[in-house]
Amino acid sequence: MRAAALFFLTLAACANPQATDYQGEPIERAARDLGFPSRIVELPDGRRTYEWQIEQVASVGPIKPQIGGISVSSRGGVGVGVGLGRDRVSTGFCSYVLTARPEGETYIVEGVNDTGRSCL
């Protein structure tokens, strides 16, 4: 039981922070997670669309050891992150578009394009 709880807690910690449609959130939250949009379009009614081109990747090949990173402590210690994983290859790009309405100094997300929901 304890092992199962630990497994799901670990899995939740690794969940994609971008797995949201940002509805009702300021556009800055999406930009913080996704980076600067590749395109911003001003609509006639004052709303804007923000578009991101998100690379889609797939894991391929056998599971093998991979180096995750190197860290150095302030006391002179050095650590190397090692894990198991597969090679990742690009399978193309997906267009993720949010529509937002003006509110004060910012824009509030109203929705995401249907095809974009599968991007994240």
PDB file of N, CA and C in Angstrom:
ATOM      1  N   MET A   1       0.826  -1.191   0.000  1.00  0.00           N
ATOM      2  CA  MET A   1       0.000   0.000   0.000  1.00  0.00           C
ATOM      3  C   MET A   1       0.874   1.261   0.000  1.00  0.00           C
ATOM      4  N   ARG A   2       1.887   1.264   0.856  1.00  0.00           N
ATOM      5  CA  ARG A   2       2.770   2.416   0.935  1.00  0.00           C
ATOM      6  C   ARG A   2       3.539   2.601  -0.372  1.00  0.00           C
ATOM      7  N   ALA A   3       3.946   1.491  -0.991  1.00  0.00           N
ATOM      8  CA  ALA A   3       4.672   1.557  -2.260  1.00  0.00           C
ATOM      9  C   ALA A   3       3.792   2.136  -3.359  1.00  0.00           C
ATOM     10  N   ALA A   4       2.507   1.761  -3.372  1.00  0.00           N
ATOM     11  CA  ALA A   4       1.583   2.293  -4.381  1.00  0.00           C
ATOM     12  C   ALA A   4       1.397   3.791  -4.193  1.00  0.00           C
ATOM     13  N   ALA A   5       1.250   4.231  -2.947  1.00  0.00           N
ATOM     14  CA  ALA A   5       1.089   5.659  -2.678  1.00  0.00           C
ATOM     15  C   ALA A   5       2.326   6.434  -3.113  1.00  0.00           C
ATOM     16  N   LEU A   6       3.495   5.883  -2.824  1.00  0.00           N
ATOM     17  CA  LEU A   6       4.742   6.530  -3.228  1.00  0.00           C
ATOM     18  C   LEU A   6       4.852   6.606  -4.746  1.00  0.00           C
ATOM     19  N   PHE A   7       4.447   5.532  -5.424  1.00  0.00           N
ATOM     20  CA  PHE A   7       4.487   5.515  -6.885  1.00  0.00           C
ATOM     21  C   PHE A   7       3.610   6.617  -7.467  1.00  0.00           C
ATOM     22  N   PHE A   8       2.360   6.734  -6.987  1.00  0.00           N
ATOM     23  CA  PHE A   8       1.450   7.731  -7.538  1.00  0.00           C
ATOM     24  C   PHE A   8       1.865   9.148  -7.159  1.00  0.00           C
ATOM     25  N   LEU A   9       2.461   9.320  -6.001  1.00  0.00           N
ATOM     26  CA  LEU A   9       2.976  10.629  -5.620  1.00  0.00           C
ATOM     27  C   LEU A   9       4.125  11.040  -6.531  1.00  0.00           C
ATOM     28  N   THR A  10       5.000  10.098  -6.829  1.00  0.00           N
ATOM     29  CA  THR A  10       6.111  10.353  -7.749  1.00  0.00           C
ATOM     30  C   THR A  10       5.593  10.662  -9.141  1.00  0.00           C
ATOM     31  N   LEU A  11       4.603   9.909  -9.586  1.00  0.00           N
ATOM     32  CA  LEU A  11       4.010  10.136 -10.905  1.00  0.00           C
ATOM     33  C   LEU A  11       3.379  11.515 -10.984  1.00  0.00           C
ATOM     34  N   ALA A  12       2.681  11.933  -9.942  1.00  0.00           N
ATOM     35  CA  ALA A  12       2.055  13.256  -9.924  1.00  0.00           C
ATOM     36  C   ALA A  12       3.105  14.357  -9.962  1.00  0.00           C
ATOM     37  N   ALA A  13       4.227  14.149  -9.308  1.00  0.00           N
ATOM     38  CA  ALA A  13       5.300  15.149  -9.309  1.00  0.00           C
ATOM     39  C   ALA A  13       5.894  15.322 -10.695  1.00  0.00           C
ATOM     40  N   CYS A  14       5.826  14.284 -11.512  1.00  0.00           N
ATOM     41  CA  CYS A  14       6.378  14.346 -12.862  1.00  0.00           C
ATOM     42  C   CYS A  14       5.348  14.789 -13.887  1.00  0.00           C
ATOM     43  N   ALA A  15       4.125  15.066 -13.456  1.00  0.00           N
ATOM     44  CA  ALA A  15       3.067  15.443 -14.393  1.00  0.00           C
ATOM     45  C   ALA A  15       3.447  16.727 -15.113  1.00  0.00           C
ATOM     46  N   ASN A  16       3.011  16.831 -16.339  1.00  0.00           N
ATOM     47  CA  ASN A  16       3.313  17.979 -17.173  1.00  0.00           C
ATOM     48  C   ASN A  16       2.603  19.219 -16.635  1.00  0.00           C
ATOM     49  N   PRO A  17       3.319  20.281 -16.227  1.00  0.00           N
ATOM     50  CA  PRO A  17       2.661  21.477 -15.729  1.00  0.00           C
ATOM     51  C   PRO A  17       1.880  22.192 -16.820  1.00  0.00           C
ATOM     52  N   GLN A  18       2.120  21.829 -18.073  1.00  0.00           N
ATOM     53  CA  GLN A  18       1.418  22.469 -19.172  1.00  0.00           C
ATOM     54  C   GLN A  18       0.087  21.796 -19.482  1.00  0.00           C
ATOM     55  N   ALA A  19      -0.245  20.719 -18.783  1.00  0.00           N
ATOM     56  CA  ALA A  19      -1.445  19.952 -19.098  1.00  0.00           C
ATOM     57  C   ALA A  19      -2.682  20.694 -18.601  1.00  0.00           C
ATOM     58  N   THR A  20      -2.978  21.827 -19.201  1.00  0.00           N
ATOM     59  CA  THR A  20      -4.124  22.645 -18.844  1.00  0.00           C
ATOM     60  C   THR A  20      -4.561  23.428 -20.070  1.00  0.00           C
ATOM     61  N   ASP A  21      -5.800  23.884 -20.065  1.00  0.00           N
ATOM     62  CA  ASP A  21      -6.238  24.714 -21.190  1.00  0.00           C
ATOM     63  C   ASP A  21      -6.186  26.200 -20.832  1.00  0.00           C
ATOM     64  N   TYR A  22      -5.796  26.528 -19.595  1.00  0.00           N
ATOM     65  CA  TYR A  22      -5.597  27.900 -19.126  1.00  0.00           C
ATOM     66  C   TYR A  22      -6.880  28.726 -19.102  1.00  0.00           C
ATOM     67  N   GLN A  23      -8.043  28.122 -19.242  1.00  0.00           N
ATOM     68  CA  GLN A  23      -9.319  28.843 -19.262  1.00  0.00           C
ATOM     69  C   GLN A  23      -9.486  29.647 -17.970  1.00  0.00           C
ATOM     70  N   GLY A  24      -9.791  30.952 -18.133  1.00  0.00           N
ATOM     71  CA  GLY A  24      -9.987  31.839 -16.996  1.00  0.00           C
ATOM     72  C   GLY A  24      -8.707  32.386 -16.392  1.00  0.00           C
ATOM     73  N   GLU A  25      -7.565  31.986 -16.909  1.00  0.00           N
ATOM     74  CA  GLU A  25      -6.265  32.428 -16.386  1.00  0.00           C
ATOM     75  C   GLU A  25      -5.722  33.594 -17.215  1.00  0.00           C
ATOM     76  N   PRO A  26      -4.882  34.453 -16.616  1.00  0.00           N
ATOM     77  CA  PRO A  26      -4.211  35.496 -17.402  1.00  0.00           C
ATOM     78  C   PRO A  26      -3.288  34.855 -18.441  1.00  0.00           C
ATOM     79  N   ILE A  27      -3.149  35.490 -19.586  1.00  0.00           N
ATOM     80  CA  ILE A  27      -2.328  34.940 -20.671  1.00  0.00           C
ATOM     81  C   ILE A  27      -0.870  34.791 -20.231  1.00  0.00           C
ATOM     82  N   GLU A  28      -0.451  35.577 -19.251  1.00  0.00           N
ATOM     83  CA  GLU A  28       0.927  35.480 -18.760  1.00  0.00           C
ATOM     84  C   GLU A  28       1.229  34.092 -18.180  1.00  0.00           C
ATOM     85  N   ARG A  29       0.212  33.433 -17.638  1.00  0.00           N
ATOM     86  CA  ARG A  29       0.441  32.081 -17.093  1.00  0.00           C
ATOM     87  C   ARG A  29       0.810  31.119 -18.212  1.00  0.00           C
ATOM     88  N   ALA A  30       0.095  31.193 -19.329  1.00  0.00           N
ATOM     89  CA  ALA A  30       0.423  30.328 -20.470  1.00  0.00           C
ATOM     90  C   ALA A  30       1.811  30.664 -20.999  1.00  0.00           C
ATOM     91  N   ALA A  31       2.119  31.960 -21.094  1.00  0.00           N
ATOM     92  CA  ALA A  31       3.434  32.371 -21.602  1.00  0.00           C
ATOM     93  C   ALA A  31       4.551  31.917 -20.668  1.00  0.00           C
ATOM     94  N   ARG A  32       4.289  31.906 -19.372  1.00  0.00           N
ATOM     95  CA  ARG A  32       5.299  31.428 -18.413  1.00  0.00           C
ATOM     96  C   ARG A  32       5.595  29.945 -18.643  1.00  0.00           C
ATOM     97  N   ASP A  33       4.549  29.157 -18.929  1.00  0.00           N
ATOM     98  CA  ASP A  33       4.719  27.717 -19.145  1.00  0.00           C
ATOM     99  C   ASP A  33       5.234  27.374 -20.537  1.00  0.00           C
ATOM    100  N   LEU A  34       4.750  28.104 -21.549  1.00  0.00           N
ATOM    101  CA  LEU A  34       5.009  27.732 -22.943  1.00  0.00           C
ATOM    102  C   LEU A  34       6.074  28.575 -23.631  1.00  0.00           C
ATOM    103  N   GLY A  35       6.448  29.698 -23.029  1.00  0.00           N
ATOM    104  CA  GLY A  35       7.385  30.604 -23.679  1.00  0.00           C
ATOM    105  C   GLY A  35       6.635  31.655 -24.488  1.00  0.00           C
ATOM    106  N   PHE A  36       7.382  32.479 -25.197  1.00  0.00           N
ATOM    107  CA  PHE A  36       6.767  33.545 -25.989  1.00  0.00           C
ATOM    108  C   PHE A  36       6.024  32.929 -27.168  1.00  0.00           C
ATOM    109  N   PRO A  37       4.783  33.360 -27.439  1.00  0.00           N
ATOM    110  CA  PRO A  37       4.043  32.782 -28.571  1.00  0.00           C
ATOM    111  C   PRO A  37       4.710  33.101 -29.906  1.00  0.00           C
ATOM    112  N   SER A  38       4.531  32.196 -30.863  1.00  0.00           N
ATOM    113  CA  SER A  38       5.111  32.413 -32.188  1.00  0.00           C
ATOM    114  C   SER A  38       4.298  33.425 -32.988  1.00  0.00           C
ATOM    115  N   ARG A  39       3.026  33.632 -32.586  1.00  0.00           N
ATOM    116  CA  ARG A  39       2.186  34.588 -33.313  1.00  0.00           C
ATOM    117  C   ARG A  39       1.089  35.115 -32.394  1.00  0.00           C
ATOM    118  N   ILE A  40       0.822  36.425 -32.481  1.00  0.00           N
ATOM    119  CA  ILE A  40      -0.276  37.061 -31.760  1.00  0.00           C
ATOM    120  C   ILE A  40      -1.107  37.810 -32.789  1.00  0.00           C
ATOM    121  N   VAL A  41      -2.423  37.563 -32.784  1.00  0.00           N
ATOM    122  CA  VAL A  41      -3.312  38.217 -33.749  1.00  0.00           C
ATOM    123  C   VAL A  41      -4.370  39.011 -32.989  1.00  0.00           C
ATOM    124  N   GLU A  42      -4.507  40.291 -33.338  1.00  0.00           N
ATOM    125  CA  GLU A  42      -5.529  41.164 -32.761  1.00  0.00           C
ATOM    126  C   GLU A  42      -6.823  40.958 -33.547  1.00  0.00           C
ATOM    127  N   LEU A  43      -7.903  40.567 -32.876  1.00  0.00           N
ATOM    128  CA  LEU A  43      -9.187  40.333 -33.537  1.00  0.00           C
ATOM    129  C   LEU A  43     -10.004  41.624 -33.561  1.00  0.00           C
ATOM    130  N   PRO A  44     -10.960  41.751 -34.507  1.00  0.00           N
ATOM    131  CA  PRO A  44     -11.750  42.980 -34.626  1.00  0.00           C
ATOM    132  C   PRO A  44     -12.538  43.339 -33.360  1.00  0.00           C
ATOM    133  N   ASP A  45     -12.933  42.343 -32.566  1.00  0.00           N
ATOM    134  CA  ASP A  45     -13.725  42.615 -31.360  1.00  0.00           C
ATOM    135  C   ASP A  45     -12.866  42.933 -30.127  1.00  0.00           C
ATOM    136  N   GLY A  46     -11.541  43.088 -30.312  1.00  0.00           N
ATOM    137  CA  GLY A  46     -10.653  43.437 -29.210  1.00  0.00           C
ATOM    138  C   GLY A  46      -9.969  42.246 -28.562  1.00  0.00           C
ATOM    139  N   ARG A  47     -10.448  41.054 -28.853  1.00  0.00           N
ATOM    140  CA  ARG A  47      -9.788  39.865 -28.312  1.00  0.00           C
ATOM    141  C   ARG A  47      -8.508  39.603 -29.098  1.00  0.00           C
ATOM    142  N   ARG A  48      -7.697  38.690 -28.587  1.00  0.00           N
ATOM    143  CA  ARG A  48      -6.460  38.291 -29.262  1.00  0.00           C
ATOM    144  C   ARG A  48      -6.380  36.769 -29.307  1.00  0.00           C
ATOM    145  N   THR A  49      -5.673  36.284 -30.325  1.00  0.00           N
ATOM    146  CA  THR A  49      -5.303  34.870 -30.338  1.00  0.00           C
ATOM    147  C   THR A  49      -3.790  34.800 -30.180  1.00  0.00           C
ATOM    148  N   TYR A  50      -3.361  33.847 -29.389  1.00  0.00           N
ATOM    149  CA  TYR A  50      -1.943  33.605 -29.127  1.00  0.00           C
ATOM    150  C   TYR A  50      -1.640  32.200 -29.616  1.00  0.00           C
ATOM    151  N   GLU A  51      -0.637  32.060 -30.476  1.00  0.00           N
ATOM    152  CA  GLU A  51      -0.329  30.756 -31.065  1.00  0.00           C
ATOM    153  C   GLU A  51       1.090  30.321 -30.716  1.00  0.00           C
ATOM    154  N   TRP A  52       1.206  29.059 -30.317  1.00  0.00           N
ATOM    155  CA  TRP A  52       2.497  28.428 -30.056  1.00  0.00           C
ATOM    156  C   TRP A  52       2.645  27.236 -30.982  1.00  0.00           C
ATOM    157  N   GLN A  53       3.833  27.051 -31.533  1.00  0.00           N
ATOM    158  CA  GLN A  53       4.153  25.852 -32.309  1.00  0.00           C
ATOM    159  C   GLN A  53       4.891  24.915 -31.358  1.00  0.00           C
ATOM    160  N   ILE A  54       4.255  23.819 -30.999  1.00  0.00           N
ATOM    161  CA  ILE A  54       4.804  22.908 -29.997  1.00  0.00           C
ATOM    162  C   ILE A  54       5.289  21.638 -30.671  1.00  0.00           C
ATOM    163  N   GLU A  55       6.560  21.324 -30.438  1.00  0.00           N
ATOM    164  CA  GLU A  55       7.139  20.124 -31.040  1.00  0.00           C
ATOM    165  C   GLU A  55       6.574  18.875 -30.377  1.00  0.00           C
ATOM    166  N   GLN A  56       6.145  17.933 -31.187  1.00  0.00           N
ATOM    167  CA  GLN A  56       5.659  16.642 -30.707  1.00  0.00           C
ATOM    168  C   GLN A  56       6.811  15.651 -30.777  1.00  0.00           C
ATOM    169  N   VAL A  57       7.005  14.883 -29.726  1.00  0.00           N
ATOM    170  CA  VAL A  57       8.100  13.918 -29.685  1.00  0.00           C
ATOM    171  C   VAL A  57       7.569  12.546 -29.299  1.00  0.00           C
ATOM    172  N   ALA A  58       8.306  11.527 -29.694  1.00  0.00           N
ATOM    173  CA  ALA A  58       7.968  10.149 -29.344  1.00  0.00           C
ATOM    174  C   ALA A  58       9.213   9.460 -28.806  1.00  0.00           C
ATOM    175  N   SER A  59       9.003   8.571 -27.850  1.00  0.00           N
ATOM    176  CA  SER A  59      10.104   7.760 -27.315  1.00  0.00           C
ATOM    177  C   SER A  59      10.231   6.506 -28.159  1.00  0.00           C
ATOM    178  N   VAL A  60      11.444   6.215 -28.597  1.00  0.00           N
ATOM    179  CA  VAL A  60      11.675   5.054 -29.467  1.00  0.00           C
ATOM    180  C   VAL A  60      12.880   4.261 -28.975  1.00  0.00           C
ATOM    181  N   GLY A  61      12.942   3.024 -29.406  1.00  0.00           N
ATOM    182  CA  GLY A  61      14.104   2.192 -29.113  1.00  0.00           C
ATOM    183  C   GLY A  61      14.040   1.548 -27.748  1.00  0.00           C
ATOM    184  N   PRO A  62      15.086   0.826 -27.427  1.00  0.00           N
ATOM    185  CA  PRO A  62      15.131   0.110 -26.152  1.00  0.00           C
ATOM    186  C   PRO A  62      15.387   1.057 -24.982  1.00  0.00           C
ATOM    187  N   ILE A  63      15.001   0.622 -23.796  1.00  0.00           N
ATOM    188  CA  ILE A  63      15.300   1.373 -22.576  1.00  0.00           C
ATOM    189  C   ILE A  63      16.783   1.204 -22.273  1.00  0.00           C
ATOM    190  N   LYS A  64      17.435   2.346 -21.972  1.00  0.00           N
ATOM    191  CA  LYS A  64      18.874   2.308 -21.714  1.00  0.00           C
ATOM    192  C   LYS A  64      19.237   3.381 -20.693  1.00  0.00           C
ATOM    193  N   PRO A  65      20.394   3.272 -20.075  1.00  0.00           N
ATOM    194  CA  PRO A  65      20.818   4.297 -19.114  1.00  0.00           C
ATOM    195  C   PRO A  65      21.036   5.642 -19.814  1.00  0.00           C
ATOM    196  N   GLN A  66      20.641   6.724 -19.136  1.00  0.00           N
ATOM    197  CA  GLN A  66      20.830   8.070 -19.672  1.00  0.00           C
ATOM    198  C   GLN A  66      21.315   8.982 -18.559  1.00  0.00           C
ATOM    199  N   ILE A  67      22.179   9.915 -18.912  1.00  0.00           N
ATOM    200  CA  ILE A  67      22.653  10.907 -17.949  1.00  0.00           C
ATOM    201  C   ILE A  67      21.685  12.076 -17.975  1.00  0.00           C
ATOM    202  N   GLY A  68      21.149  12.434 -16.788  1.00  0.00           N
ATOM    203  CA  GLY A  68      20.146  13.487 -16.703  1.00  0.00           C
ATOM    204  C   GLY A  68      20.710  14.855 -16.415  1.00  0.00           C
ATOM    205  N   GLY A  69      21.829  14.943 -15.765  1.00  0.00           N
ATOM    206  CA  GLY A  69      22.385  16.250 -15.449  1.00  0.00           C
ATOM    207  C   GLY A  69      23.511  16.147 -14.446  1.00  0.00           C
ATOM    208  N   ILE A  70      24.246  17.215 -14.326  1.00  0.00           N
ATOM    209  CA  ILE A  70      25.374  17.271 -13.408  1.00  0.00           C
ATOM    210  C   ILE A  70      25.137  18.447 -12.470  1.00  0.00           C
ATOM    211  N   SER A  71      25.361  18.238 -11.179  1.00  0.00           N
ATOM    212  CA  SER A  71      25.206  19.334 -10.229  1.00  0.00           C
ATOM    213  C   SER A  71      26.448  19.434  -9.350  1.00  0.00           C
ATOM    214  N   VAL A  72      26.715  20.645  -8.910  1.00  0.00           N
ATOM    215  CA  VAL A  72      27.864  20.909  -8.048  1.00  0.00           C
ATOM    216  C   VAL A  72      27.349  21.622  -6.808  1.00  0.00           C
ATOM    217  N   SER A  73      27.734  21.141  -5.634  1.00  0.00           N
ATOM    218  CA  SER A  73      27.292  21.775  -4.393  1.00  0.00           C
ATOM    219  C   SER A  73      28.260  22.884  -3.998  1.00  0.00           C
ATOM    220  N   SER A  74      27.819  23.722  -3.077  1.00  0.00           N
ATOM    221  CA  SER A  74      28.669  24.818  -2.602  1.00  0.00           C
ATOM    222  C   SER A  74      29.843  24.301  -1.768  1.00  0.00           C
ATOM    223  N   ARG A  75      29.765  23.054  -1.331  1.00  0.00           N
ATOM    224  CA  ARG A  75      30.854  22.474  -0.534  1.00  0.00           C
ATOM    225  C   ARG A  75      31.821  21.669  -1.388  1.00  0.00           C
ATOM    226  N   GLY A  76      31.679  21.738  -2.697  1.00  0.00           N
ATOM    227  CA  GLY A  76      32.626  21.077  -3.582  1.00  0.00           C
ATOM    228  C   GLY A  76      32.216  19.697  -4.050  1.00  0.00           C
ATOM    229  N   GLY A  77      31.052  19.218  -3.622  1.00  0.00           N
ATOM    230  CA  GLY A  77      30.587  17.905  -4.071  1.00  0.00           C
ATOM    231  C   GLY A  77      30.029  17.974  -5.483  1.00  0.00           C
ATOM    232  N   VAL A  78      30.123  16.874  -6.198  1.00  0.00           N
ATOM    233  CA  VAL A  78      29.620  16.802  -7.567  1.00  0.00           C
ATOM    234  C   VAL A  78      28.691  15.601  -7.666  1.00  0.00           C
ATOM    235  N   GLY A  79      27.565  15.776  -8.357  1.00  0.00           N
ATOM    236  CA  GLY A  79      26.626  14.674  -8.554  1.00  0.00           C
ATOM    237  C   GLY A  79      26.224  14.564 -10.007  1.00  0.00           C
ATOM    238  N   VAL A  80      25.945  13.351 -10.438  1.00  0.00           N
ATOM    239  CA  VAL A  80      25.496  13.103 -11.803  1.00  0.00           C
ATOM    240  C   VAL A  80      24.172  12.360 -11.728  1.00  0.00           C
ATOM    241  N   GLY A  81      23.150  12.878 -12.413  1.00  0.00           N
ATOM    242  CA  GLY A  81      21.853  12.209 -12.462  1.00  0.00           C
ATOM    243  C   GLY A  81      21.852  11.152 -13.543  1.00  0.00           C
ATOM    244  N   VAL A  82      21.553   9.925 -13.158  1.00  0.00           N
ATOM    245  CA  VAL A  82      21.507   8.820 -14.111  1.00  0.00           C
ATOM    246  C   VAL A  82      20.151   8.153 -13.986  1.00  0.00           C
ATOM    247  N   GLY A  83      19.530   7.843 -15.109  1.00  0.00           N
ATOM    248  CA  GLY A  83      18.234   7.179 -15.103  1.00  0.00           C
ATOM    249  C   GLY A  83      18.105   6.263 -16.300  1.00  0.00           C
ATOM    250  N   LEU A  84      16.914   5.711 -16.445  1.00  0.00           N
ATOM    251  CA  LEU A  84      16.621   4.863 -17.592  1.00  0.00           C
ATOM    252  C   LEU A  84      15.650   5.591 -18.500  1.00  0.00           C
ATOM    253  N   GLY A  85      15.834   5.472 -19.795  1.00  0.00           N
ATOM    254  CA  GLY A  85      14.943   6.128 -20.733  1.00  0.00           C
ATOM    255  C   GLY A  85      15.170   5.634 -22.142  1.00  0.00           C
ATOM    256  N   ARG A  86      14.409   6.217 -23.044  1.00  0.00           N
ATOM    257  CA  ARG A  86      14.519   5.884 -24.462  1.00  0.00           C
ATOM    258  C   ARG A  86      14.928   7.136 -25.227  1.00  0.00           C
ATOM    259  N   ASP A  87      15.416   6.937 -26.435  1.00  0.00           N
ATOM    260  CA  ASP A  87      15.704   8.074 -27.307  1.00  0.00           C
ATOM    261  C   ASP A  87      14.391   8.747 -27.676  1.00  0.00           C
ATOM    262  N   ARG A  88      14.447  10.062 -27.888  1.00  0.00           N
ATOM    263  CA  ARG A  88      13.245  10.816 -28.278  1.00  0.00           C
ATOM    264  C   ARG A  88      13.471  11.399 -29.667  1.00  0.00           C
ATOM    265  N   VAL A  89      12.455  11.281 -30.505  1.00  0.00           N
ATOM    266  CA  VAL A  89      12.534  11.823 -31.861  1.00  0.00           C
ATOM    267  C   VAL A  89      11.348  12.743 -32.105  1.00  0.00           C
ATOM    268  N   SER A  90      11.561  13.764 -32.921  1.00  0.00           N
ATOM    269  CA  SER A  90      10.496  14.691 -33.274  1.00  0.00           C
ATOM    270  C   SER A  90       9.555  14.042 -34.278  1.00  0.00           C
ATOM    271  N   THR A  91       8.248  14.204 -34.039  1.00  0.00           N
ATOM    272  CA  THR A  91       7.250  13.687 -34.978  1.00  0.00           C
ATOM    273  C   THR A  91       6.500  14.817 -35.674  1.00  0.00           C
ATOM    274  N   GLY A  92       6.960  16.055 -35.469  1.00  0.00           N
ATOM    275  CA  GLY A  92       6.320  17.198 -36.109  1.00  0.00           C
ATOM    276  C   GLY A  92       5.962  18.267 -35.091  1.00  0.00           C
ATOM    277  N   PHE A  93       5.166  19.230 -35.539  1.00  0.00           N
ATOM    278  CA  PHE A  93       4.759  20.332 -34.683  1.00  0.00           C
ATOM    279  C   PHE A  93       3.245  20.416 -34.630  1.00  0.00           C
ATOM    280  N   CYS A  94       2.744  20.938 -33.528  1.00  0.00           N
ATOM    281  CA  CYS A  94       1.316  21.097 -33.306  1.00  0.00           C
ATOM    282  C   CYS A  94       1.051  22.575 -33.023  1.00  0.00           C
ATOM    283  N   SER A  95      -0.035  23.098 -33.549  1.00  0.00           N
ATOM    284  CA  SER A  95      -0.383  24.493 -33.342  1.00  0.00           C
ATOM    285  C   SER A  95      -1.343  24.606 -32.154  1.00  0.00           C
ATOM    286  N   TYR A  96      -0.899  25.277 -31.093  1.00  0.00           N
ATOM    287  CA  TYR A  96      -1.691  25.466 -29.877  1.00  0.00           C
ATOM    288  C   TYR A  96      -2.117  26.924 -29.841  1.00  0.00           C
ATOM    289  N   VAL A  97      -3.429  27.186 -29.955  1.00  0.00           N
ATOM    290  CA  VAL A  97      -3.939  28.552 -30.054  1.00  0.00           C
ATOM    291  C   VAL A  97      -4.897  28.840 -28.903  1.00  0.00           C
ATOM    292  N   LEU A  98      -4.610  29.909 -28.161  1.00  0.00           N
ATOM    293  CA  LEU A  98      -5.500  30.374 -27.101  1.00  0.00           C
ATOM    294  C   LEU A  98      -6.157  31.673 -27.541  1.00  0.00           C
ATOM    295  N   THR A  99      -7.446  31.825 -27.229  1.00  0.00           N
ATOM    296  CA  THR A  99      -8.163  33.070 -27.473  1.00  0.00           C
ATOM    297  C   THR A  99      -8.368  33.745 -26.125  1.00  0.00           C
ATOM    298  N   ALA A 100      -8.084  35.063 -26.055  1.00  0.00           N
ATOM    299  CA  ALA A 100      -8.175  35.776 -24.782  1.00  0.00           C
ATOM    300  C   ALA A 100      -8.860  37.122 -24.973  1.00  0.00           C
ATOM    301  N   ARG A 101      -9.594  37.538 -23.946  1.00  0.00           N
ATOM    302  CA  ARG A 101     -10.284  38.828 -23.961  1.00  0.00           C
ATOM    303  C   ARG A 101      -9.541  39.823 -23.069  1.00  0.00           C
ATOM    304  N   PRO A 102      -9.594  41.118 -23.422  1.00  0.00           N
ATOM    305  CA  PRO A 102      -8.892  42.101 -22.595  1.00  0.00           C
ATOM    306  C   PRO A 102      -9.589  42.276 -21.245  1.00  0.00           C
ATOM    307  N   GLU A 103      -8.791  42.430 -20.217  1.00  0.00           N
ATOM    308  CA  GLU A 103      -9.321  42.732 -18.882  1.00  0.00           C
ATOM    309  C   GLU A 103      -8.261  43.519 -18.130  1.00  0.00           C
ATOM    310  N   GLY A 104      -8.498  44.808 -17.991  1.00  0.00           N
ATOM    311  CA  GLY A 104      -7.513  45.679 -17.351  1.00  0.00           C
ATOM    312  C   GLY A 104      -6.230  45.728 -18.158  1.00  0.00           C
ATOM    313  N   GLU A 105      -5.120  45.457 -17.502  1.00  0.00           N
ATOM    314  CA  GLU A 105      -3.802  45.504 -18.139  1.00  0.00           C
ATOM    315  C   GLU A 105      -3.413  44.198 -18.827  1.00  0.00           C
ATOM    316  N   THR A 106      -4.256  43.171 -18.729  1.00  0.00           N
ATOM    317  CA  THR A 106      -3.894  41.857 -19.258  1.00  0.00           C
ATOM    318  C   THR A 106      -5.001  41.300 -20.145  1.00  0.00           C
ATOM    319  N   TYR A 107      -4.830  40.068 -20.564  1.00  0.00           N
ATOM    320  CA  TYR A 107      -5.838  39.336 -21.329  1.00  0.00           C
ATOM    321  C   TYR A 107      -6.124  38.038 -20.584  1.00  0.00           C
ATOM    322  N   ILE A 108      -7.415  37.669 -20.520  1.00  0.00           N
ATOM    323  CA  ILE A 108      -7.851  36.457 -19.830  1.00  0.00           C
ATOM    324  C   ILE A 108      -8.228  35.408 -20.871  1.00  0.00           C
ATOM    325  N   VAL A 109      -7.703  34.216 -20.714  1.00  0.00           N
ATOM    326  CA  VAL A 109      -7.938  33.137 -21.681  1.00  0.00           C
ATOM    327  C   VAL A 109      -9.396  32.699 -21.632  1.00  0.00           C
ATOM    328  N   GLU A 110     -10.026  32.673 -22.811  1.00  0.00           N
ATOM    329  CA  GLU A 110     -11.408  32.209 -22.942  1.00  0.00           C
ATOM    330  C   GLU A 110     -11.481  30.766 -23.414  1.00  0.00           C
ATOM    331  N   GLY A 111     -10.517  30.345 -24.227  1.00  0.00           N
ATOM    332  CA  GLY A 111     -10.569  28.978 -24.728  1.00  0.00           C
ATOM    333  C   GLY A 111      -9.356  28.619 -25.554  1.00  0.00           C
ATOM    334  N   VAL A 112      -9.311  27.339 -25.924  1.00  0.00           N
ATOM    335  CA  VAL A 112      -8.217  26.792 -26.721  1.00  0.00           C
ATOM    336  C   VAL A 112      -8.821  26.140 -27.955  1.00  0.00           C
ATOM    337  N   ASN A 113      -8.076  26.161 -29.069  1.00  0.00           N
ATOM    338  CA  ASN A 113      -8.554  25.505 -30.284  1.00  0.00           C
ATOM    339  C   ASN A 113      -8.656  23.997 -30.051  1.00  0.00           C
ATOM    340  N   ASP A 114      -9.623  23.355 -30.702  1.00  0.00           N
ATOM    341  CA  ASP A 114      -9.870  21.924 -30.477  1.00  0.00           C
ATOM    342  C   ASP A 114      -8.659  21.062 -30.794  1.00  0.00           C
ATOM    343  N   THR A 115      -7.983  21.330 -31.905  1.00  0.00           N
ATOM    344  CA  THR A 115      -6.821  20.507 -32.252  1.00  0.00           C
ATOM    345  C   THR A 115      -5.658  20.764 -31.311  1.00  0.00           C
ATOM    346  N   GLY A 116      -5.613  21.946 -30.721  1.00  0.00           N
ATOM    347  CA  GLY A 116      -4.527  22.282 -29.812  1.00  0.00           C
ATOM    348  C   GLY A 116      -4.571  21.542 -28.496  1.00  0.00           C
ATOM    349  N   ARG A 117      -5.749  21.052 -28.105  1.00  0.00           N
ATOM    350  CA  ARG A 117      -5.877  20.340 -26.827  1.00  0.00           C
ATOM    351  C   ARG A 117      -4.960  19.127 -26.764  1.00  0.00           C
ATOM    352  N   SER A 118      -4.680  18.528 -27.902  1.00  0.00           N
ATOM    353  CA  SER A 118      -3.827  17.336 -27.899  1.00  0.00           C
ATOM    354  C   SER A 118      -2.337  17.690 -27.978  1.00  0.00           C
ATOM    355  N   CYS A 119      -2.017  18.974 -28.086  1.00  0.00           N
ATOM    356  CA  CYS A 119      -0.616  19.393 -28.197  1.00  0.00           C
ATOM    357  C   CYS A 119       0.167  19.188 -26.914  1.00  0.00           C
ATOM    358  N   LEU A 120      -0.485  19.405 -25.784  1.00  0.00           N
ATOM    359  CA  LEU A 120       0.248  19.408 -24.508  1.00  0.00           C
ATOM    360  C   LEU A 120       0.132  18.091 -23.798  1.00  0.00           C
TER     361      LEU A 120
END
